[in-house]
Every structure is written in C-alpha cells, then in structure tokens.
PDB file of N, CA and C in Angstrom:
ATOM      1  N   MET A   1       0.850  -1.172   0.000  1.00  0.00           N
ATOM      2  CA  MET A   1       0.000   0.000   0.000  1.00  0.00           C
ATOM      3  C   MET A   1       0.893   1.231   0.000  1.00  0.00           C
ATOM      4  N   PRO A   2       0.640   2.173  -0.892  1.00  0.00           N
ATOM      5  CA  PRO A   2       1.480   3.361  -0.937  1.00  0.00           C
ATOM      6  C   PRO A   2       1.235   4.239   0.278  1.00  0.00           C
ATOM      7  N   SER A   3       2.301   4.870   0.762  1.00  0.00           N
ATOM      8  CA  SER A   3       2.118   5.815   1.858  1.00  0.00           C
ATOM      9  C   SER A   3       2.322   7.210   1.300  1.00  0.00           C
ATOM     10  N   SER A   4       1.530   8.142   1.810  1.00  0.00           N
ATOM     11  CA  SER A   4       1.600   9.504   1.293  1.00  0.00           C
ATOM     12  C   SER A   4       2.561  10.330   2.112  1.00  0.00           C
ATOM     13  N   PRO A   5       3.413  11.097   1.435  1.00  0.00           N
ATOM     14  CA  PRO A   5       4.252  12.030   2.175  1.00  0.00           C
ATOM     15  C   PRO A   5       3.366  13.138   2.747  1.00  0.00           C
ATOM     16  N   LYS A   6       3.891  13.883   3.678  1.00  0.00           N
ATOM     17  CA  LYS A   6       3.125  14.987   4.266  1.00  0.00           C
ATOM     18  C   LYS A   6       3.072  16.134   3.273  1.00  0.00           C
ATOM     19  N   PHE A   7       1.865  16.575   2.974  1.00  0.00           N
ATOM     20  CA  PHE A   7       1.660  17.691   2.065  1.00  0.00           C
ATOM     21  C   PHE A   7       1.070  18.858   2.839  1.00  0.00           C
ATOM     22  N   THR A   8       1.285  20.052   2.322  1.00  0.00           N
ATOM     23  CA  THR A   8       0.672  21.246   2.908  1.00  0.00           C
ATOM     24  C   THR A   8      -0.795  21.287   2.491  1.00  0.00           C
ATOM     25  N   ALA A   9      -1.546  22.179   3.114  1.00  0.00           N
ATOM     26  CA  ALA A   9      -2.961  22.325   2.766  1.00  0.00           C
ATOM     27  C   ALA A   9      -3.115  22.728   1.301  1.00  0.00           C
ATOM     28  N   ALA A  10      -2.244  23.587   0.813  1.00  0.00           N
ATOM     29  CA  ALA A  10      -2.308  24.018  -0.590  1.00  0.00           C
ATOM     30  C   ALA A  10      -2.024  22.851  -1.534  1.00  0.00           C
ATOM     31  N   GLU A  11      -1.082  21.982  -1.147  1.00  0.00           N
ATOM     32  CA  GLU A  11      -0.773  20.828  -1.985  1.00  0.00           C
ATOM     33  C   GLU A  11      -1.948  19.842  -2.009  1.00  0.00           C
ATOM     34  N   TRP A  12      -2.585  19.629  -0.845  1.00  0.00           N
ATOM     35  CA  TRP A  12      -3.761  18.747  -0.828  1.00  0.00           C
ATOM     36  C   TRP A  12      -4.882  19.343  -1.674  1.00  0.00           C
ATOM     37  N   ASP A  13      -5.013  20.668  -1.622  1.00  0.00           N
ATOM     38  CA  ASP A  13      -6.029  21.338  -2.423  1.00  0.00           C
ATOM     39  C   ASP A  13      -5.769  21.092  -3.913  1.00  0.00           C
ATOM     40  N   ALA A  14      -4.505  21.122  -4.315  1.00  0.00           N
ATOM     41  CA  ALA A  14      -4.147  20.857  -5.719  1.00  0.00           C
ATOM     42  C   ALA A  14      -4.438  19.400  -6.081  1.00  0.00           C
ATOM     43  N   TRP A  15      -4.132  18.452  -5.177  1.00  0.00           N
ATOM     44  CA  TRP A  15      -4.439  17.034  -5.431  1.00  0.00           C
ATOM     45  C   TRP A  15      -5.946  16.851  -5.613  1.00  0.00           C
ATOM     46  N   ILE A  16      -6.733  17.522  -4.764  1.00  0.00           N
ATOM     47  CA  ILE A  16      -8.193  17.392  -4.850  1.00  0.00           C
ATOM     48  C   ILE A  16      -8.694  17.956  -6.174  1.00  0.00           C
ATOM     49  N   ASP A  17      -8.133  19.093  -6.614  1.00  0.00           N
ATOM     50  CA  ASP A  17      -8.506  19.656  -7.922  1.00  0.00           C
ATOM     51  C   ASP A  17      -8.204  18.670  -9.043  1.00  0.00           C
ATOM     52  N   GLN A  18      -7.013  18.062  -9.001  1.00  0.00           N
ATOM     53  CA  GLN A  18      -6.653  17.080 -10.025  1.00  0.00           C
ATOM     54  C   GLN A  18      -7.616  15.882 -10.000  1.00  0.00           C
ATOM     55  N   PHE A  19      -7.984  15.448  -8.811  1.00  0.00           N
ATOM     56  CA  PHE A  19      -8.914  14.327  -8.688  1.00  0.00           C
ATOM     57  C   PHE A  19     -10.267  14.676  -9.307  1.00  0.00           C
ATOM     58  N   LEU A  20     -10.790  15.858  -8.994  1.00  0.00           N
ATOM     59  CA  LEU A  20     -12.105  16.253  -9.501  1.00  0.00           C
ATOM     60  C   LEU A  20     -12.114  16.367 -11.023  1.00  0.00           C
ATOM     61  N   VAL A  21     -11.024  16.833 -11.595  1.00  0.00           N
ATOM     62  CA  VAL A  21     -10.927  16.971 -13.048  1.00  0.00           C
ATOM     63  C   VAL A  21     -10.733  15.619 -13.719  1.00  0.00           C
ATOM     64  N   SER A  22     -10.090  14.688 -13.020  1.00  0.00           N
ATOM     65  CA  SER A  22      -9.738  13.397 -13.624  1.00  0.00           C
ATOM     66  C   SER A  22     -10.957  12.541 -13.967  1.00  0.00           C
ATOM     67  N   GLY A  23     -12.020  12.648 -13.190  1.00  0.00           N
ATOM     68  CA  GLY A  23     -13.187  11.802 -13.423  1.00  0.00           C
ATOM     69  C   GLY A  23     -12.996  10.369 -12.940  1.00  0.00           C
ATOM     70  N   LEU A  24     -11.892  10.100 -12.269  1.00  0.00           N
ATOM     71  CA  LEU A  24     -11.605   8.756 -11.770  1.00  0.00           C
ATOM     72  C   LEU A  24     -12.222   8.552 -10.391  1.00  0.00           C
ATOM     73  N   THR A  25     -12.291   7.300  -9.972  1.00  0.00           N
ATOM     74  CA  THR A  25     -12.694   7.024  -8.597  1.00  0.00           C
ATOM     75  C   THR A  25     -11.525   7.393  -7.688  1.00  0.00           C
ATOM     76  N   GLN A  26     -11.812   7.563  -6.401  1.00  0.00           N
ATOM     77  CA  GLN A  26     -10.736   7.890  -5.472  1.00  0.00           C
ATOM     78  C   GLN A  26      -9.673   6.799  -5.464  1.00  0.00           C
ATOM     79  N   SER A  27     -10.113   5.545  -5.459  1.00  0.00           N
ATOM     80  CA  SER A  27      -9.158   4.430  -5.431  1.00  0.00           C
ATOM     81  C   SER A  27      -8.238   4.455  -6.643  1.00  0.00           C
ATOM     82  N   THR A  28      -8.814   4.612  -7.832  1.00  0.00           N
ATOM     83  CA  THR A  28      -8.022   4.612  -9.066  1.00  0.00           C
ATOM     84  C   THR A  28      -7.086   5.810  -9.105  1.00  0.00           C
ATOM     85  N   PHE A  29      -7.597   6.987  -8.738  1.00  0.00           N
ATOM     86  CA  PHE A  29      -6.770   8.198  -8.739  1.00  0.00           C
ATOM     87  C   PHE A  29      -5.584   8.046  -7.787  1.00  0.00           C
ATOM     88  N   CYS A  30      -5.858   7.573  -6.576  1.00  0.00           N
ATOM     89  CA  CYS A  30      -4.788   7.442  -5.581  1.00  0.00           C
ATOM     90  C   CYS A  30      -3.760   6.397  -5.993  1.00  0.00           C
ATOM     91  N   GLU A  31      -4.224   5.313  -6.599  1.00  0.00           N
ATOM     92  CA  GLU A  31      -3.303   4.280  -7.067  1.00  0.00           C
ATOM     93  C   GLU A  31      -2.404   4.841  -8.170  1.00  0.00           C
ATOM     94  N   ARG A  32      -3.019   5.592  -9.090  1.00  0.00           N
ATOM     95  CA  ARG A  32      -2.259   6.170 -10.204  1.00  0.00           C
ATOM     96  C   ARG A  32      -1.234   7.191  -9.721  1.00  0.00           C
ATOM     97  N   GLU A  33      -1.607   7.969  -8.703  1.00  0.00           N
ATOM     98  CA  GLU A  33      -0.724   9.040  -8.216  1.00  0.00           C
ATOM     99  C   GLU A  33       0.170   8.601  -7.062  1.00  0.00           C
ATOM    100  N   GLY A  34       0.004   7.378  -6.587  1.00  0.00           N
ATOM    101  CA  GLY A  34       0.835   6.887  -5.495  1.00  0.00           C
ATOM    102  C   GLY A  34       0.477   7.463  -4.141  1.00  0.00           C
ATOM    103  N   LEU A  35      -0.811   7.776  -3.953  1.00  0.00           N
ATOM    104  CA  LEU A  35      -1.288   8.337  -2.690  1.00  0.00           C
ATOM    105  C   LEU A  35      -2.031   7.269  -1.891  1.00  0.00           C
ATOM    106  N   SER A  36      -2.034   7.428  -0.586  1.00  0.00           N
ATOM    107  CA  SER A  36      -2.858   6.573   0.264  1.00  0.00           C
ATOM    108  C   SER A  36      -4.310   7.006   0.095  1.00  0.00           C
ATOM    109  N   ARG A  37      -5.174   6.063  -0.285  1.00  0.00           N
ATOM    110  CA  ARG A  37      -6.589   6.401  -0.496  1.00  0.00           C
ATOM    111  C   ARG A  37      -7.235   6.894   0.789  1.00  0.00           C
ATOM    112  N   PHE A  38      -6.847   6.333   1.929  1.00  0.00           N
ATOM    113  CA  PHE A  38      -7.467   6.706   3.195  1.00  0.00           C
ATOM    114  C   PHE A  38      -7.067   8.118   3.620  1.00  0.00           C
ATOM    115  N   VAL A  39      -5.812   8.461   3.408  1.00  0.00           N
ATOM    116  CA  VAL A  39      -5.350   9.815   3.741  1.00  0.00           C
ATOM    117  C   VAL A  39      -5.990  10.814   2.781  1.00  0.00           C
ATOM    118  N   PHE A  40      -6.021  10.462   1.491  1.00  0.00           N
ATOM    119  CA  PHE A  40      -6.647  11.345   0.509  1.00  0.00           C
ATOM    120  C   PHE A  40      -8.119  11.562   0.843  1.00  0.00           C
ATOM    121  N   ALA A  41      -8.832  10.475   1.155  1.00  0.00           N
ATOM    122  CA  ALA A  41     -10.265  10.569   1.457  1.00  0.00           C
ATOM    123  C   ALA A  41     -10.508  11.463   2.670  1.00  0.00           C
ATOM    124  N   ARG A  42      -9.650  11.360   3.671  1.00  0.00           N
ATOM    125  CA  ARG A  42      -9.810  12.200   4.861  1.00  0.00           C
ATOM    126  C   ARG A  42      -9.664  13.673   4.496  1.00  0.00           C
ATOM    127  N   HIS A  43      -8.648  14.014   3.706  1.00  0.00           N
ATOM    128  CA  HIS A  43      -8.453  15.409   3.303  1.00  0.00           C
ATOM    129  C   HIS A  43      -9.590  15.885   2.394  1.00  0.00           C
ATOM    130  N   TYR A  44     -10.036  15.016   1.500  1.00  0.00           N
ATOM    131  CA  TYR A  44     -11.116  15.393   0.582  1.00  0.00           C
ATOM    132  C   TYR A  44     -12.419  15.649   1.344  1.00  0.00           C
ATOM    133  N   ARG A  45     -12.762  14.762   2.289  1.00  0.00           N
ATOM    134  CA  ARG A  45     -13.996  14.936   3.061  1.00  0.00           C
ATOM    135  C   ARG A  45     -13.989  16.225   3.858  1.00  0.00           C
ATOM    136  N   ARG A  46     -12.808  16.652   4.285  1.00  0.00           N
ATOM    137  CA  ARG A  46     -12.708  17.863   5.105  1.00  0.00           C
ATOM    138  C   ARG A  46     -12.601  19.141   4.272  1.00  0.00           C
ATOM    139  N   SER A  47     -12.425  18.988   2.964  1.00  0.00           N
ATOM    140  CA  SER A  47     -12.257  20.172   2.111  1.00  0.00           C
ATOM    141  C   SER A  47     -13.605  20.795   1.758  1.00  0.00           C
ATOM    142  N   ASP A  48     -13.548  22.048   1.325  1.00  0.00           N
ATOM    143  CA  ASP A  48     -14.755  22.748   0.883  1.00  0.00           C
ATOM    144  C   ASP A  48     -15.264  22.211  -0.448  1.00  0.00           C
ATOM    145  N   LYS A  49     -14.439  21.459  -1.152  1.00  0.00           N
ATOM    146  CA  LYS A  49     -14.797  20.934  -2.474  1.00  0.00           C
ATOM    147  C   LYS A  49     -15.518  19.596  -2.400  1.00  0.00           C
ATOM    148  N   PHE A  50     -15.667  19.076  -1.206  1.00  0.00           N
ATOM    149  CA  PHE A  50     -16.315  17.772  -1.023  1.00  0.00           C
ATOM    150  C   PHE A  50     -17.771  17.874  -1.435  1.00  0.00           C
ATOM    151  N   ALA A  51     -18.211  16.966  -2.329  1.00  0.00           N
ATOM    152  CA  ALA A  51     -19.563  17.034  -2.874  1.00  0.00           C
ATOM    153  C   ALA A  51     -20.512  16.060  -2.185  1.00  0.00           C
ATOM    154  N   GLY A  52     -20.026  15.245  -1.290  1.00  0.00           N
ATOM    155  CA  GLY A  52     -20.865  14.250  -0.621  1.00  0.00           C
ATOM    156  C   GLY A  52     -21.558  14.841   0.591  1.00  0.00           C
ATOM    157  N   THR A  53     -21.977  13.967   1.482  1.00  0.00           N
ATOM    158  CA  THR A  53     -22.606  14.416   2.714  1.00  0.00           C
ATOM    159  C   THR A  53     -21.663  14.157   3.877  1.00  0.00           C
ATOM    160  N   ARG A  54     -21.699  15.052   4.819  1.00  0.00           N
ATOM    161  CA  ARG A  54     -20.864  14.922   6.012  1.00  0.00           C
ATOM    162  C   ARG A  54     -21.734  14.532   7.195  1.00  0.00           C
ATOM    163  N   ARG A  55     -21.153  13.751   8.073  1.00  0.00           N
ATOM    164  CA  ARG A  55     -21.850  13.431   9.315  1.00  0.00           C
ATOM    165  C   ARG A  55     -21.741  14.619  10.246  1.00  0.00           C
ATOM    166  N   ALA A  56     -22.799  14.827  11.006  1.00  0.00           N
ATOM    167  CA  ALA A  56     -22.756  15.888  11.998  1.00  0.00           C
ATOM    168  C   ALA A  56     -21.797  15.478  13.115  1.00  0.00           C
ATOM    169  N   PRO A  57     -21.012  16.409  13.621  1.00  0.00           N
ATOM    170  CA  PRO A  57     -20.090  16.043  14.696  1.00  0.00           C
ATOM    171  C   PRO A  57     -20.871  15.589  15.926  1.00  0.00           C
ATOM    172  N   ARG A  58     -20.373  14.529  16.542  1.00  0.00           N
ATOM    173  CA  ARG A  58     -21.041  14.017  17.735  1.00  0.00           C
ATOM    174  C   ARG A  58     -20.534  14.765  18.953  1.00  0.00           C
ATOM    175  N   SER A  59     -21.454  15.084  19.835  1.00  0.00           N
ATOM    176  CA  SER A  59     -21.023  15.686  21.089  1.00  0.00           C
ATOM    177  C   SER A  59     -20.629  14.568  22.045  1.00  0.00           C
ATOM    178  N   LYS A  60     -19.660  14.848  22.873  1.00  0.00           N
ATOM    179  CA  LYS A  60     -19.151  13.814  23.769  1.00  0.00           C
ATOM    180  C   LYS A  60     -20.194  13.379  24.786  1.00  0.00           C
ATOM    181  N   LYS A  61     -21.098  14.269  25.142  1.00  0.00           N
ATOM    182  CA  LYS A  61     -22.126  13.924  26.120  1.00  0.00           C
ATOM    183  C   LYS A  61     -23.103  12.894  25.576  1.00  0.00           C
ATOM    184  N   SER A  62     -23.378  12.957  24.294  1.00  0.00           N
ATOM    185  CA  SER A  62     -24.388  12.076  23.711  1.00  0.00           C
ATOM    186  C   SER A  62     -23.806  10.821  23.083  1.00  0.00           C
ATOM    187  N   GLU A  63     -22.498  10.583  23.250  1.00  0.00           N
ATOM    188  CA  GLU A  63     -21.908   9.384  22.658  1.00  0.00           C
ATOM    189  C   GLU A  63     -22.468   8.144  23.332  1.00  0.00           C
ATOM    190  N   VAL A  64     -22.933   7.232  22.511  1.00  0.00           N
ATOM    191  CA  VAL A  64     -23.463   5.975  23.006  1.00  0.00           C
ATOM    192  C   VAL A  64     -22.751   4.868  22.263  1.00  0.00           C
ATOM    193  N   LYS A  65     -22.310   3.857  22.977  1.00  0.00           N
ATOM    194  CA  LYS A  65     -21.636   2.751  22.318  1.00  0.00           C
ATOM    195  C   LYS A  65     -22.627   2.019  21.423  1.00  0.00           C
ATOM    196  N   ALA A  66     -22.135   1.599  20.267  1.00  0.00           N
ATOM    197  CA  ALA A  66     -22.977   0.869  19.327  1.00  0.00           C
ATOM    198  C   ALA A  66     -23.348  -0.476  19.929  1.00  0.00           C
ATOM    199  N   SER A  67     -24.578  -0.869  19.710  1.00  0.00           N
ATOM    200  CA  SER A  67     -25.046  -2.136  20.250  1.00  0.00           C
ATOM    201  C   SER A  67     -26.152  -2.659  19.365  1.00  0.00           C
ATOM    202  N   ALA A  68     -26.277  -3.961  19.344  1.00  0.00           N
ATOM    203  CA  ALA A  68     -27.366  -4.570  18.589  1.00  0.00           C
ATOM    204  C   ALA A  68     -28.657  -4.528  19.389  1.00  0.00           C
ATOM    205  N   PHE A  69     -28.576  -4.194  20.662  1.00  0.00           N
ATOM    206  CA  PHE A  69     -29.759  -4.138  21.502  1.00  0.00           C
ATOM    207  C   PHE A  69     -30.397  -2.773  21.408  1.00  0.00           C
ATOM    208  N   ARG A  70     -31.701  -2.731  21.351  1.00  0.00           N
ATOM    209  CA  ARG A  70     -32.443  -1.486  21.247  1.00  0.00           C
ATOM    210  C   ARG A  70     -33.387  -1.361  22.432  1.00  0.00           C
ATOM    211  N   PRO A  71     -33.452  -0.176  23.055  1.00  0.00           N
ATOM    212  CA  PRO A  71     -34.407   0.002  24.144  1.00  0.00           C
ATOM    213  C   PRO A  71     -35.822   0.045  23.588  1.00  0.00           C
ATOM    214  N   VAL A  72     -36.742  -0.449  24.347  1.00  0.00           N
ATOM    215  CA  VAL A  72     -38.143  -0.466  23.936  1.00  0.00           C
ATOM    216  C   VAL A  72     -38.916   0.457  24.853  1.00  0.00           C
ATOM    217  N   GLN A  73     -39.625   1.412  24.269  1.00  0.00           N
ATOM    218  CA  GLN A  73     -40.483   2.295  25.035  1.00  0.00           C
ATOM    219  C   GLN A  73     -41.851   1.645  25.137  1.00  0.00           C
ATOM    220  N   ARG A  74     -42.287   1.433  26.340  1.00  0.00           N
ATOM    221  CA  ARG A  74     -43.587   0.794  26.520  1.00  0.00           C
ATOM    222  C   ARG A  74     -44.679   1.834  26.402  1.00  0.00           C
ATOM    223  N   LYS A  75     -45.657   1.523  25.615  1.00  0.00           N
ATOM    224  CA  LYS A  75     -46.826   2.381  25.476  1.00  0.00           C
ATOM    225  C   LYS A  75     -47.909   1.861  26.398  1.00  0.00           C
ATOM    226  N   ALA A  76     -48.832   2.743  26.731  1.00  0.00           N
ATOM    227  CA  ALA A  76     -49.943   2.315  27.566  1.00  0.00           C
ATOM    228  C   ALA A  76     -50.791   1.329  26.764  1.00  0.00           C
ATOM    229  N   THR A  77     -50.831   0.115  27.204  1.00  0.00           N
ATOM    230  CA  THR A  77     -51.615  -0.915  26.547  1.00  0.00           C
ATOM    231  C   THR A  77     -52.378  -1.682  27.606  1.00  0.00           C
ATOM    232  N   ALA A  78     -53.306  -2.463  27.172  1.00  0.00           N
ATOM    233  CA  ALA A  78     -54.055  -3.283  28.112  1.00  0.00           C
ATOM    234  C   ALA A  78     -53.098  -4.235  28.808  1.00  0.00           C
ATOM    235  N   MET A  79     -53.240  -4.372  30.093  1.00  0.00           N
ATOM    236  CA  MET A  79     -52.360  -5.248  30.865  1.00  0.00           C
ATOM    237  C   MET A  79     -52.710  -6.704  30.592  1.00  0.00           C
ATOM    238  N   LEU A  80     -51.681  -7.507  30.457  1.00  0.00           N
ATOM    239  CA  LEU A  80     -51.873  -8.935  30.288  1.00  0.00           C
ATOM    240  C   LEU A  80     -52.100  -9.565  31.646  1.00  0.00           C
ATOM    241  N   ASP A  81     -52.636 -10.735  31.634  1.00  0.00           N
ATOM    242  CA  ASP A  81     -52.835 -11.485  32.863  1.00  0.00           C
ATOM    243  C   ASP A  81     -51.503 -11.606  33.594  1.00  0.00           C
ATOM    244  N   GLN A  82     -51.470 -11.365  34.876  1.00  0.00           N
ATOM    245  CA  GLN A  82     -50.244 -11.404  35.655  1.00  0.00           C
ATOM    246  C   GLN A  82     -49.593 -12.780  35.666  1.00  0.00           C
ATOM    247  N   HIS A  83     -50.337 -13.828  35.344  1.00  0.00           N
ATOM    248  CA  HIS A  83     -49.796 -15.178  35.370  1.00  0.00           C
ATOM    249  C   HIS A  83     -49.020 -15.524  34.100  1.00  0.00           C
ATOM    250  N   VAL A  84     -49.146 -14.699  33.077  1.00  0.00           N
ATOM    251  CA  VAL A  84     -48.442 -14.963  31.827  1.00  0.00           C
ATOM    252  C   VAL A  84     -46.981 -14.530  31.994  1.00  0.00           C
ATOM    253  N   CYS A  85     -46.063 -15.460  31.859  1.00  0.00           N
ATOM    254  CA  CYS A  85     -44.650 -15.120  32.012  1.00  0.00           C
ATOM    255  C   CYS A  85     -43.825 -15.776  30.909  1.00  0.00           C
ATOM    256  N   GLU A  86     -44.463 -16.051  29.804  1.00  0.00           N
ATOM    257  CA  GLU A  86     -43.753 -16.678  28.693  1.00  0.00           C
ATOM    258  C   GLU A  86     -43.042 -15.633  27.861  1.00  0.00           C
ATOM    259  N   ASP A  87     -42.015 -16.077  27.148  1.00  0.00           N
ATOM    260  CA  ASP A  87     -41.282 -15.207  26.241  1.00  0.00           C
ATOM    261  C   ASP A  87     -41.758 -15.435  24.815  1.00  0.00           C
ATOM    262  N   VAL A  88     -41.636 -14.391  24.018  1.00  0.00           N
ATOM    263  CA  VAL A  88     -41.902 -14.484  22.599  1.00  0.00           C
ATOM    264  C   VAL A  88     -40.539 -14.551  21.918  1.00  0.00           C
ATOM    265  N   ILE A  89     -40.327 -15.562  21.088  1.00  0.00           N
ATOM    266  CA  ILE A  89     -39.058 -15.719  20.381  1.00  0.00           C
ATOM    267  C   ILE A  89     -39.349 -15.769  18.893  1.00  0.00           C
ATOM    268  N   LEU A  90     -38.748 -14.842  18.152  1.00  0.00           N
ATOM    269  CA  LEU A  90     -38.890 -14.795  16.698  1.00  0.00           C
ATOM    270  C   LEU A  90     -37.522 -15.037  16.071  1.00  0.00           C
ATOM    271  N   HIS A  91     -37.468 -15.949  15.125  1.00  0.00           N
ATOM    272  CA  HIS A  91     -36.238 -16.211  14.381  1.00  0.00           C
ATOM    273  C   HIS A  91     -36.380 -15.555  13.015  1.00  0.00           C
ATOM    274  N   ILE A  92     -35.423 -14.677  12.698  1.00  0.00           N
ATOM    275  CA  ILE A  92     -35.442 -13.961  11.427  1.00  0.00           C
ATOM    276  C   ILE A  92     -34.196 -14.390  10.674  1.00  0.00           C
ATOM    277  N   GLY A  93     -34.377 -15.254   9.703  1.00  0.00           N
ATOM    278  CA  GLY A  93     -33.235 -15.790   8.977  1.00  0.00           C
ATOM    279  C   GLY A  93     -32.414 -16.691   9.890  1.00  0.00           C
ATOM    280  N   GLN A  94     -31.138 -16.850   9.546  1.00  0.00           N
ATOM    281  CA  GLN A  94     -30.248 -17.707  10.318  1.00  0.00           C
ATOM    282  C   GLN A  94     -29.541 -16.955  11.444  1.00  0.00           C
ATOM    283  N   ASP A  95     -29.426 -15.620  11.311  1.00  0.00           N
ATOM    284  CA  ASP A  95     -28.557 -14.877  12.208  1.00  0.00           C
ATOM    285  C   ASP A  95     -29.267 -14.084  13.299  1.00  0.00           C
ATOM    286  N   VAL A  96     -30.554 -13.853  13.171  1.00  0.00           N
ATOM    287  CA  VAL A  96     -31.225 -12.950  14.102  1.00  0.00           C
ATOM    288  C   VAL A  96     -32.281 -13.700  14.897  1.00  0.00           C
ATOM    289  N   ARG A  97     -32.216 -13.508  16.215  1.00  0.00           N
ATOM    290  CA  ARG A  97     -33.228 -14.064  17.103  1.00  0.00           C
ATOM    291  C   ARG A  97     -33.711 -12.931  17.989  1.00  0.00           C
ATOM    292  N   LEU A  98     -35.005 -12.683  17.984  1.00  0.00           N
ATOM    293  CA  LEU A  98     -35.607 -11.638  18.788  1.00  0.00           C
ATOM    294  C   LEU A  98     -36.369 -12.318  19.910  1.00  0.00           C
ATOM    295  N   GLN A  99     -35.963 -12.060  21.145  1.00  0.00           N
ATOM    296  CA  GLN A  99     -36.609 -12.679  22.293  1.00  0.00           C
ATOM    297  C   GLN A  99     -37.005 -11.574  23.263  1.00  0.00           C
ATOM    298  N   CYS A 100     -38.263 -11.556  23.634  1.00  0.00           N
ATOM    299  CA  CYS A 100     -38.724 -10.568  24.596  1.00  0.00           C
ATOM    300  C   CYS A 100     -39.893 -11.136  25.383  1.00  0.00           C
ATOM    301  N   SER A 101     -40.215 -10.479  26.446  1.00  0.00           N
ATOM    302  CA  SER A 101     -41.304 -10.907  27.311  1.00  0.00           C
ATOM    303  C   SER A 101     -42.624 -10.787  26.562  1.00  0.00           C
ATOM    304  N   ALA A 102     -43.541 -11.678  26.871  1.00  0.00           N
ATOM    305  CA  ALA A 102     -44.854 -11.627  26.239  1.00  0.00           C
ATOM    306  C   ALA A 102     -45.618 -10.383  26.655  1.00  0.00           C
ATOM    307  N   SER A 103     -45.180  -9.722  27.716  1.00  0.00           N
ATOM    308  CA  SER A 103     -45.871  -8.515  28.172  1.00  0.00           C
ATOM    309  C   SER A 103     -45.503  -7.278  27.357  1.00  0.00           C
ATOM    310  N   VAL A 104     -44.499  -7.400  26.466  1.00  0.00           N
ATOM    311  CA  VAL A 104     -44.133  -6.283  25.594  1.00  0.00           C
ATOM    312  C   VAL A 104     -45.236  -6.114  24.556  1.00  0.00           C
ATOM    313  N   GLY A 105     -45.600  -4.900  24.279  1.00  0.00           N
ATOM    314  CA  GLY A 105     -46.669  -4.630  23.331  1.00  0.00           C
ATOM    315  C   GLY A 105     -46.339  -5.119  21.932  1.00  0.00           C
ATOM    316  N   ILE A 106     -47.366  -5.511  21.200  1.00  0.00           N
ATOM    317  CA  ILE A 106     -47.180  -6.035  19.846  1.00  0.00           C
ATOM    318  C   ILE A 106     -46.568  -4.990  18.931  1.00  0.00           C
ATOM    319  N   GLU A 107     -46.882  -3.682  19.174  1.00  0.00           N
ATOM    320  CA  GLU A 107     -46.304  -2.622  18.343  1.00  0.00           C
ATOM    321  C   GLU A 107     -44.783  -2.605  18.475  1.00  0.00           C
ATOM    322  N   ALA A 108     -44.275  -2.801  19.687  1.00  0.00           N
ATOM    323  CA  ALA A 108     -42.829  -2.810  19.905  1.00  0.00           C
ATOM    324  C   ALA A 108     -42.197  -4.026  19.233  1.00  0.00           C
ATOM    325  N   ILE A 109     -42.858  -5.169  19.305  1.00  0.00           N
ATOM    326  CA  ILE A 109     -42.338  -6.380  18.669  1.00  0.00           C
ATOM    327  C   ILE A 109     -42.287  -6.201  17.157  1.00  0.00           C
ATOM    328  N   ILE A 110     -43.315  -5.617  16.572  1.00  0.00           N
ATOM    329  CA  ILE A 110     -43.343  -5.366  15.125  1.00  0.00           C
ATOM    330  C   ILE A 110     -42.232  -4.402  14.743  1.00  0.00           C
ATOM    331  N   ARG A 111     -42.042  -3.318  15.523  1.00  0.00           N
ATOM    332  CA  ARG A 111     -41.004  -2.343  15.224  1.00  0.00           C
ATOM    333  C   ARG A 111     -39.621  -2.983  15.294  1.00  0.00           C
ATOM    334  N   LEU A 112     -39.368  -3.797  16.311  1.00  0.00           N
ATOM    335  CA  LEU A 112     -38.074  -4.463  16.436  1.00  0.00           C
ATOM    336  C   LEU A 112     -37.845  -5.447  15.304  1.00  0.00           C
ATOM    337  N   THR A 113     -38.900  -6.159  14.914  1.00  0.00           N
ATOM    338  CA  THR A 113     -38.784  -7.128  13.814  1.00  0.00           C
ATOM    339  C   THR A 113     -38.440  -6.422  12.517  1.00  0.00           C
ATOM    340  N   ARG A 114     -39.104  -5.319  12.235  1.00  0.00           N
ATOM    341  CA  ARG A 114     -38.802  -4.562  11.013  1.00  0.00           C
ATOM    342  C   ARG A 114     -37.382  -4.029  11.034  1.00  0.00           C
ATOM    343  N   GLU A 115     -36.935  -3.541  12.192  1.00  0.00           N
ATOM    344  CA  GLU A 115     -35.585  -3.011  12.292  1.00  0.00           C
ATOM    345  C   GLU A 115     -34.539  -4.110  12.123  1.00  0.00           C
ATOM    346  N   ALA A 116     -34.811  -5.289  12.656  1.00  0.00           N
ATOM    347  CA  ALA A 116     -33.873  -6.404  12.544  1.00  0.00           C
ATOM    348  C   ALA A 116     -33.757  -6.894  11.109  1.00  0.00           C
ATOM    349  N   ARG A 117     -34.820  -6.791  10.333  1.00  0.00           N
ATOM    350  CA  ARG A 117     -34.812  -7.263   8.945  1.00  0.00           C
ATOM    351  C   ARG A 117     -34.086  -6.307   8.029  1.00  0.00           C
ATOM    352  N   SER A 118     -33.955  -5.023   8.411  1.00  0.00           N
ATOM    353  CA  SER A 118     -33.316  -4.056   7.504  1.00  0.00           C
ATOM    354  C   SER A 118     -31.840  -4.008   7.676  1.00  0.00           C
TER     355      SER A 118
END
C-alpha cells in the first residue's frame, strides 16, 4: 500500500482539484498518483470541495456505544394477565433471534422485527 508524504494544505487542495478533473474514482486516482486512499479521502472529506454528505459532529455527552440491543419504550396498553410469564421468540433468517417478554406490546415487537430485517 502506498504511503503519502506529508503535504501542505495548498498541496492537498491541488491534489483534490486534479482528482475532480480526472473523473476517476478515489481508489483509481490514488493508485495512479501513489497516494494513500485513506489519507486522501480524509483530506477530501474535510475540504470545501467535497460534494458528498458529512456526518454531523457528535457531542461527547451524547456518545453511546454501538449495540445490537435497542431500548423499547412501553406504550400504555391493556395489561396482560399477571400469570403470563412466557417469552416471545422470533427467528429472522439464520442470524437474528428476537426474544422478549410476552408482556411487551405487539407494536414494539413489530417495530423491532422490522428493524432487525433491515
């Protein structure tokens, strides 16, 4: 993998101009010019010439670790018989198993099932 030498902001700006004019993909352009695609992509995303979408910066207070588990907000629903303590288990394909208490509302189960399938 080619490594990129350190360039000034003006030099990166010139590389980005050449890339935009070339009509090539980032991978092809970087391979042809001997640049690291990852370093180039980082500079391109941060430039004013970037035509894609940027993620909004995350605030440190709201950072949440990624997890496959989703919290369920319970809505006011009719209460089930207190003696019911069975679990509902749904298998979605080979990789996903959704297991929750039978007391969870059907709307929450449907929402989780749809989210797991996407």
